[in-house]
């Protein structure tokens, strides 16, 4: 598969100055170099396809090949262990934990909303609304009432 190269310049092109002539010669020289490299590569590929000549091997080729085979063997054994052994994490337990966590979040968000409402009611300028007691105030009063009733019984 050799291609022929025609070194003759293109007919009809007449350089008007010396610089153009030098530039055309430089381009022609570079094209010859590139053409030579391309033909060498194509011939090398043809030889490799036939099995005549292989690329040169390094002195470390045997060690690298052994090392890559070792890595492949270790990867295969790791995959085999993953397939054979059961998982240590229970999906059922994870789902139960997730549901408990969701309920906990819902309770927290409800509690925050109630606290916000109580703060707003306390800070409201209308006196009728500010007289509404919070949960804490009600619980404190009920404790006092129980303590007073217990003292009266004694």
Protein backbone atom coordinates (compact mmCIF):
# COMPACT_ATOMS: atom_id res chain seq x y z
CA UNK A 1 0.00 0.00 0.00
CA UNK A 2 2.55 2.54 -1.04
CA UNK A 3 1.43 5.89 -2.32
CA UNK A 4 3.52 7.73 -4.83
CA UNK A 5 4.55 11.29 -4.15
CA UNK A 6 4.86 13.81 -6.94
CA UNK A 7 7.51 16.37 -5.98
CA UNK A 8 6.74 18.60 -8.98
CA UNK A 9 5.25 21.96 -8.02
CA UNK A 10 1.70 22.79 -9.00
CA UNK A 11 1.60 24.21 -12.50
CA UNK A 12 0.33 27.73 -12.96
CA UNK A 13 1.61 29.08 -9.65
CA UNK A 14 4.19 31.78 -10.30
CA UNK A 15 5.75 33.22 -7.16
CA UNK A 16 6.20 36.96 -7.38
CA UNK A 17 8.86 37.26 -4.73
CA UNK A 18 11.77 35.38 -3.23
CA UNK A 19 9.96 35.00 0.12
CA UNK A 20 7.13 33.09 -1.51
CA UNK A 21 9.59 30.74 -3.18
CA UNK A 22 11.33 30.06 0.14
CA UNK A 23 7.97 29.53 1.87
CA UNK A 24 6.78 27.10 -0.85
CA UNK A 25 10.04 25.10 -0.57
CA UNK A 26 9.66 24.91 3.23
CA UNK A 27 6.06 23.69 2.91
CA UNK A 28 7.14 21.16 0.28
CA UNK A 29 9.95 19.88 2.57
CA UNK A 30 7.54 19.51 5.52
CA UNK A 31 5.05 17.67 3.30
CA UNK A 32 7.76 15.21 2.25
CA UNK A 33 8.63 14.53 5.89
CA UNK A 34 4.98 13.98 6.83
CA UNK A 35 4.46 11.75 3.79
CA UNK A 36 7.46 9.62 4.78
CA UNK A 37 6.16 9.23 8.34
CA UNK A 38 2.68 8.28 7.14
CA UNK A 39 4.00 5.63 4.76
CA UNK A 40 6.21 4.21 7.51
CA UNK A 41 3.23 3.96 9.87
CA UNK A 42 1.03 2.33 7.25
CA UNK A 43 3.75 -0.21 6.38
CA UNK A 44 4.26 -1.00 10.07
CA UNK A 45 0.51 -1.65 10.47
CA UNK A 46 0.49 -3.96 7.48
CA UNK A 47 3.44 -5.91 8.90
CA UNK A 48 1.77 -6.17 12.32
CA UNK A 49 -1.45 -7.43 10.73
CA UNK A 50 0.50 -10.18 9.02
CA UNK A 51 2.29 -10.99 12.25
CA UNK A 52 5.71 -10.45 10.75
CA UNK A 53 7.05 -7.90 13.15
CA UNK A 54 5.80 -6.74 16.52
CA UNK A 55 6.62 -3.59 18.37
CA UNK A 56 9.74 -3.90 20.52
CA UNK A 57 9.11 -5.11 24.05
CA UNK A 58 10.80 -3.64 27.07
CA UNK A 59 12.98 -5.62 29.44
CA UNK A 60 10.35 -5.14 32.13
CA UNK A 61 7.54 -6.61 29.99
CA UNK A 62 7.44 -9.98 31.78
CA UNK A 63 7.22 -8.35 35.21
CA UNK A 64 4.50 -5.94 34.12
CA UNK A 65 2.51 -8.77 32.56
CA UNK A 66 2.80 -10.87 35.73
CA UNK A 67 1.78 -7.85 37.85
CA UNK A 68 -1.31 -7.14 35.71
CA UNK A 69 -2.31 -10.82 35.84
CA UNK A 70 -1.97 -10.71 39.64
CA UNK A 71 -4.22 -7.63 39.80
CA UNK A 72 -6.83 -9.28 37.58
CA UNK A 73 -6.74 -12.41 39.76
CA UNK A 74 -7.20 -10.36 42.96
CA UNK A 75 -10.09 -8.42 41.41
CA UNK A 76 -11.83 -11.63 40.39
CA UNK A 77 -11.44 -13.13 43.85
CA UNK A 78 -12.82 -9.94 45.43
CA UNK A 79 -15.86 -10.01 43.15
CA UNK A 80 -16.40 -13.68 43.97
CA UNK A 81 -16.35 -12.93 47.72
CA UNK A 82 -18.87 -10.12 47.24
CA UNK A 83 -21.21 -12.45 45.39
CA UNK A 84 -20.93 -15.42 47.77
CA UNK A 85 -21.17 -13.73 51.18
CA UNK A 86 -24.46 -12.36 52.49
CA UNK A 87 -24.67 -8.68 53.30
CA UNK A 88 -24.11 -7.56 56.87
CA UNK A 89 -26.68 -4.76 56.65
CA UNK A 90 -30.34 -5.68 56.92
CA UNK A 91 -32.60 -3.82 54.54
CA UNK A 92 -35.61 -4.53 56.77
CA UNK A 93 -33.86 -2.95 59.76
CA UNK A 94 -32.88 0.05 57.66
CA UNK A 95 -36.52 0.57 56.64
CA UNK A 96 -37.68 0.34 60.26
CA UNK A 97 -35.03 2.85 61.32
CA UNK A 98 -36.05 5.17 58.51
CA UNK A 99 -39.72 5.07 59.55
CA UNK A 100 -38.80 5.80 63.20
CA UNK A 101 -36.64 8.70 62.06
CA UNK A 102 -39.47 10.10 59.93
CA UNK A 103 -41.90 9.97 62.87
CA UNK A 104 -39.31 11.70 65.04
CA UNK A 105 -38.91 14.47 62.43
CA UNK A 106 -42.69 14.93 62.21
CA UNK A 107 -42.95 15.26 65.99
CA UNK A 108 -40.11 17.77 66.07
CA UNK A 109 -41.65 19.88 63.35
CA UNK A 110 -45.06 19.85 65.10
CA UNK A 111 -43.44 20.89 68.36
CA UNK A 112 -41.61 23.76 66.67
CA UNK A 113 -44.83 25.01 65.11
CA UNK A 114 -46.61 24.94 68.48
CA UNK A 115 -43.74 26.82 70.13
CA UNK A 116 -43.85 29.48 67.40
CA UNK A 117 -47.60 29.92 67.81
CA UNK A 118 -47.24 30.29 71.57
CA UNK A 119 -44.50 32.94 71.15
CA UNK A 120 -46.60 34.86 68.64
CA UNK A 121 -49.62 34.76 70.94
CA UNK A 122 -47.56 36.02 73.89
CA UNK A 123 -46.09 38.91 71.89
CA UNK A 124 -49.37 39.94 70.26
CA UNK A 125 -50.41 43.54 71.14
CA UNK A 126 -54.09 42.73 71.70
CA UNK A 127 -54.57 42.06 75.41
CA UNK A 128 -57.23 39.41 74.90
CA UNK A 129 -54.79 37.21 73.06
CA UNK A 130 -51.92 37.84 75.45
CA UNK A 131 -53.97 36.46 78.33
CA UNK A 132 -53.89 33.02 76.70
CA UNK A 133 -51.60 30.82 78.70
CA UNK A 134 -48.89 28.62 77.27
CA UNK A 135 -48.57 24.92 77.99
CA UNK A 136 -45.74 25.54 80.43
CA UNK A 137 -47.76 28.06 82.39
CA UNK A 138 -50.75 25.70 82.54
CA UNK A 139 -48.57 22.79 83.69
CA UNK A 140 -46.94 24.94 86.39
CA UNK A 141 -50.36 26.06 87.67
CA UNK A 142 -51.70 22.51 87.72
CA UNK A 143 -48.65 21.38 89.75
CA UNK A 144 -49.19 24.18 92.24
CA UNK A 145 -52.85 23.22 92.56
CA UNK A 146 -51.94 19.58 93.19
CA UNK A 147 -49.35 20.54 95.79
CA UNK A 148 -51.90 22.83 97.53
CA UNK A 149 -54.56 20.08 97.52
CA UNK A 150 -52.05 17.61 98.96
CA UNK A 151 -51.17 20.07 101.76
CA UNK A 152 -54.83 20.58 102.65
CA UNK A 153 -55.46 16.82 102.96
CA UNK A 154 -52.66 16.44 105.51
